Amino acid sequence: MTKSKNRSWIQRHVKDPYVTQSQVDGFRSRASYKLLEIVKKNRLIRSGMTVVDLGSSPGGWSQVAKENTDKSKILSLDLKKMDKLQGVQFICRDFQKDETKIEVLKILGEKADVLMSDM
């Protein structure tokens, strides 16, 4: 990405109303609102579910999943580091690699109810 395109993206991003609102509401990303809409409309995530968030950094969807469930197991994976999120287990690895898949299965001990990704 060229410097002028990068600068243009940053200017649009800073002025984006969802970016501003996410900061006010304490969300990690503007993508949180996408999941909130899906959860509200379809009851996608419910208490006690096992949720896996692929490509999770910075953690907006994991945050929404945790805030909308009780007694749920939430596992987040990404190549980028993600700040710790209470009640969410994070793995900083490539979810496409076999060794990561094996680790995920060990952690979950069961099938996931919901697999999320906003990539």
C-alpha atoms as a PDB file:
ATOM      1  CA  MET A   1       0.000   0.000   0.000  1.00  0.00           C
ATOM      2  CA  THR A   2       1.425   3.368  -0.940  1.00  0.00           C
ATOM      3  CA  LYS A   3       1.840   6.132   1.621  1.00  0.00           C
ATOM      4  CA  SER A   4      -0.940   8.237   0.088  1.00  0.00           C
ATOM      5  CA  LYS A   5      -3.377   5.299   0.093  1.00  0.00           C
ATOM      6  CA  ASN A   6      -2.373   4.434   3.646  1.00  0.00           C
ATOM      7  CA  ARG A   7      -2.846   8.052   4.766  1.00  0.00           C
ATOM      8  CA  SER A   8      -6.228   8.185   3.039  1.00  0.00           C
ATOM      9  CA  TRP A   9      -7.332   4.967   4.766  1.00  0.00           C
ATOM     10  CA  ILE A  10      -6.240   6.297   8.169  1.00  0.00           C
ATOM     11  CA  GLN A  11      -8.192   9.531   7.645  1.00  0.00           C
ATOM     12  CA  ARG A  12     -11.362   7.603   6.691  1.00  0.00           C
ATOM     13  CA  HIS A  13     -10.847   5.200   9.577  1.00  0.00           C
ATOM     14  CA  VAL A  14     -10.486   7.955  12.175  1.00  0.00           C
ATOM     15  CA  LYS A  15     -13.678   9.648  10.937  1.00  0.00           C
ATOM     16  CA  ASP A  16     -15.676   6.407  10.760  1.00  0.00           C
ATOM     17  CA  PRO A  17     -18.674   6.661  13.126  1.00  0.00           C
ATOM     18  CA  TYR A  18     -18.386   2.984  14.130  1.00  0.00           C
ATOM     19  CA  VAL A  19     -14.725   3.452  15.075  1.00  0.00           C
ATOM     20  CA  THR A  20     -15.656   6.441  17.222  1.00  0.00           C
ATOM     21  CA  GLN A  21     -18.628   4.629  18.795  1.00  0.00           C
ATOM     22  CA  SER A  22     -16.562   1.508  19.492  1.00  0.00           C
ATOM     23  CA  GLN A  23     -14.135   3.630  21.512  1.00  0.00           C
ATOM     24  CA  VAL A  24     -17.026   5.182  23.469  1.00  0.00           C
ATOM     25  CA  ASP A  25     -18.626   1.774  24.100  1.00  0.00           C
ATOM     26  CA  GLY A  26     -15.300   0.164  25.057  1.00  0.00           C
ATOM     27  CA  PHE A  27     -15.163  -2.297  22.164  1.00  0.00           C
ATOM     28  CA  ARG A  28     -11.857  -3.381  20.694  1.00  0.00           C
ATOM     29  CA  SER A  29     -12.951  -2.841  17.109  1.00  0.00           C
ATOM     30  CA  ARG A  30     -15.708  -1.534  14.881  1.00  0.00           C
ATOM     31  CA  ALA A  31     -16.343  -5.156  13.820  1.00  0.00           C
ATOM     32  CA  SER A  32     -18.021  -5.714  17.198  1.00  0.00           C
ATOM     33  CA  TYR A  33     -21.160  -4.073  15.846  1.00  0.00           C
ATOM     34  CA  LYS A  34     -21.387  -6.607  13.011  1.00  0.00           C
ATOM     35  CA  LEU A  35     -21.482  -9.471  15.491  1.00  0.00           C
ATOM     36  CA  LEU A  36     -23.876  -7.641  17.827  1.00  0.00           C
ATOM     37  CA  GLU A  37     -26.301  -7.287  14.928  1.00  0.00           C
ATOM     38  CA  ILE A  38     -25.972 -10.974  14.017  1.00  0.00           C
ATOM     39  CA  VAL A  39     -26.417 -12.058  17.649  1.00  0.00           C
ATOM     40  CA  LYS A  40     -29.479  -9.868  18.094  1.00  0.00           C
ATOM     41  CA  LYS A  41     -31.097 -10.970  14.832  1.00  0.00           C
ATOM     42  CA  ASN A  42     -30.292 -14.696  14.891  1.00  0.00           C
ATOM     43  CA  ARG A  43     -29.411 -15.569  18.509  1.00  0.00           C
ATOM     44  CA  LEU A  44     -26.189 -16.968  17.089  1.00  0.00           C
ATOM     45  CA  ILE A  45     -24.414 -17.158  20.442  1.00  0.00           C
ATOM     46  CA  ARG A  46     -26.096 -18.457  23.583  1.00  0.00           C
ATOM     47  CA  SER A  47     -25.005 -19.344  27.088  1.00  0.00           C
ATOM     48  CA  GLY A  48     -22.934 -22.495  27.439  1.00  0.00           C
ATOM     49  CA  MET A  49     -21.784 -22.645  23.826  1.00  0.00           C
ATOM     50  CA  THR A  50     -18.244 -23.350  22.697  1.00  0.00           C
ATOM     51  CA  VAL A  51     -17.131 -20.517  20.408  1.00  0.00           C
ATOM     52  CA  VAL A  52     -13.991 -20.334  18.261  1.00  0.00           C
ATOM     53  CA  ASP A  53     -12.918 -16.979  16.810  1.00  0.00           C
ATOM     54  CA  LEU A  54     -10.486 -17.337  13.882  1.00  0.00           C
ATOM     55  CA  GLY A  55      -8.396 -14.313  12.971  1.00  0.00           C
ATOM     56  CA  SER A  56      -9.466 -12.757  16.246  1.00  0.00           C
ATOM     57  CA  SER A  57      -7.068  -9.847  16.783  1.00  0.00           C
ATOM     58  CA  PRO A  58      -7.778  -7.245  18.137  1.00  0.00           C
ATOM     59  CA  GLY A  59     -10.552  -9.253  19.804  1.00  0.00           C
ATOM     60  CA  GLY A  60     -13.768  -7.371  19.067  1.00  0.00           C
ATOM     61  CA  TRP A  61     -15.786 -10.465  18.191  1.00  0.00           C
ATOM     62  CA  SER A  62     -14.368 -12.472  21.127  1.00  0.00           C
ATOM     63  CA  GLN A  63     -15.286  -9.581  23.410  1.00  0.00           C
ATOM     64  CA  VAL A  64     -18.883  -9.518  22.141  1.00  0.00           C
ATOM     65  CA  ALA A  65     -19.136 -13.306  22.402  1.00  0.00           C
ATOM     66  CA  LYS A  66     -17.952 -13.226  26.020  1.00  0.00           C
ATOM     67  CA  GLU A  67     -20.264 -10.360  26.963  1.00  0.00           C
ATOM     68  CA  ASN A  68     -23.276 -12.141  25.441  1.00  0.00           C
ATOM     69  CA  THR A  69     -22.831 -15.537  27.090  1.00  0.00           C
ATOM     70  CA  ASP A  70     -22.427 -17.189  30.463  1.00  0.00           C
ATOM     71  CA  LYS A  71     -20.566 -20.430  31.065  1.00  0.00           C
ATOM     72  CA  SER A  72     -19.258 -20.456  27.512  1.00  0.00           C
ATOM     73  CA  LYS A  73     -15.851 -21.594  26.336  1.00  0.00           C
ATOM     74  CA  ILE A  74     -14.320 -19.051  23.957  1.00  0.00           C
ATOM     75  CA  LEU A  75     -11.107 -19.746  22.073  1.00  0.00           C
ATOM     76  CA  SER A  76      -9.482 -17.075  19.906  1.00  0.00           C
ATOM     77  CA  LEU A  77      -6.736 -17.675  17.358  1.00  0.00           C
ATOM     78  CA  ASP A  78      -4.665 -15.264  15.313  1.00  0.00           C
ATOM     79  CA  LEU A  79      -1.171 -14.763  13.952  1.00  0.00           C
ATOM     80  CA  LYS A  80      -1.173 -11.293  15.524  1.00  0.00           C
ATOM     81  CA  LYS A  81      -0.962 -10.882  19.279  1.00  0.00           C
ATOM     82  CA  MET A  82      -4.127  -9.898  21.092  1.00  0.00           C
ATOM     83  CA  ASP A  83      -4.423  -8.203  24.468  1.00  0.00           C
ATOM     84  CA  LYS A  84      -5.698 -10.549  27.162  1.00  0.00           C
ATOM     85  CA  LEU A  85      -9.466 -10.726  27.457  1.00  0.00           C
ATOM     86  CA  GLN A  86     -10.989 -12.089  30.673  1.00  0.00           C
ATOM     87  CA  GLY A  87     -12.667 -15.451  30.046  1.00  0.00           C
ATOM     88  CA  VAL A  88     -11.199 -15.913  26.557  1.00  0.00           C
ATOM     89  CA  GLN A  89      -8.348 -18.301  25.789  1.00  0.00           C
ATOM     90  CA  PHE A  90      -6.011 -17.033  23.056  1.00  0.00           C
ATOM     91  CA  ILE A  91      -3.573 -18.918  20.828  1.00  0.00           C
ATOM     92  CA  CYS A  92      -1.122 -16.880  18.752  1.00  0.00           C
ATOM     93  CA  ARG A  93      -0.616 -19.277  15.846  1.00  0.00           C
ATOM     94  CA  ASP A  94      -1.695 -20.072  12.308  1.00  0.00           C
ATOM     95  CA  PHE A  95      -5.022 -21.917  12.562  1.00  0.00           C
ATOM     96  CA  GLN A  96      -4.323 -23.610   9.215  1.00  0.00           C
ATOM     97  CA  LYS A  97      -1.345 -25.568  10.580  1.00  0.00           C
ATOM     98  CA  ASP A  98      -1.888 -29.171  11.691  1.00  0.00           C
ATOM     99  CA  GLU A  99      -0.196 -28.667  15.080  1.00  0.00           C
ATOM    100  CA  THR A 100      -2.548 -25.762  15.831  1.00  0.00           C
ATOM    101  CA  LYS A 101      -5.578 -27.879  14.920  1.00  0.00           C
ATOM    102  CA  ILE A 102      -4.364 -30.590  17.314  1.00  0.00           C
ATOM    103  CA  GLU A 103      -3.903 -28.022  20.107  1.00  0.00           C
ATOM    104  CA  VAL A 104      -7.376 -26.576  19.488  1.00  0.00           C
ATOM    105  CA  LEU A 105      -8.949 -30.035  19.738  1.00  0.00           C
ATOM    106  CA  LYS A 106      -7.070 -30.667  23.007  1.00  0.00           C
ATOM    107  CA  ILE A 107      -8.242 -27.347  24.465  1.00  0.00           C
ATOM    108  CA  LEU A 108     -11.847 -27.684  23.387  1.00  0.00           C
ATOM    109  CA  GLY A 109     -12.254 -31.373  24.149  1.00  0.00           C
ATOM    110  CA  GLU A 110     -15.437 -31.187  22.093  1.00  0.00           C
ATOM    111  CA  LYS A 111     -16.835 -29.732  18.909  1.00  0.00           C
ATOM    112  CA  ALA A 112     -17.378 -26.002  18.653  1.00  0.00           C
ATOM    113  CA  ASP A 113     -20.939 -24.718  18.486  1.00  0.00           C
ATOM    114  CA  VAL A 114     -19.953 -21.538  16.645  1.00  0.00           C
ATOM    115  CA  LEU A 115     -16.975 -20.790  14.433  1.00  0.00           C
ATOM    116  CA  MET A 116     -16.586 -17.055  13.788  1.00  0.00           C
ATOM    117  CA  SER A 117     -14.356 -15.023  11.545  1.00  0.00           C
ATOM    118  CA  ASP A 118     -14.627 -11.474  10.274  1.00  0.00           C
ATOM    119  CA  MET A 119     -11.656 -11.857   7.936  1.00  0.00           C
END
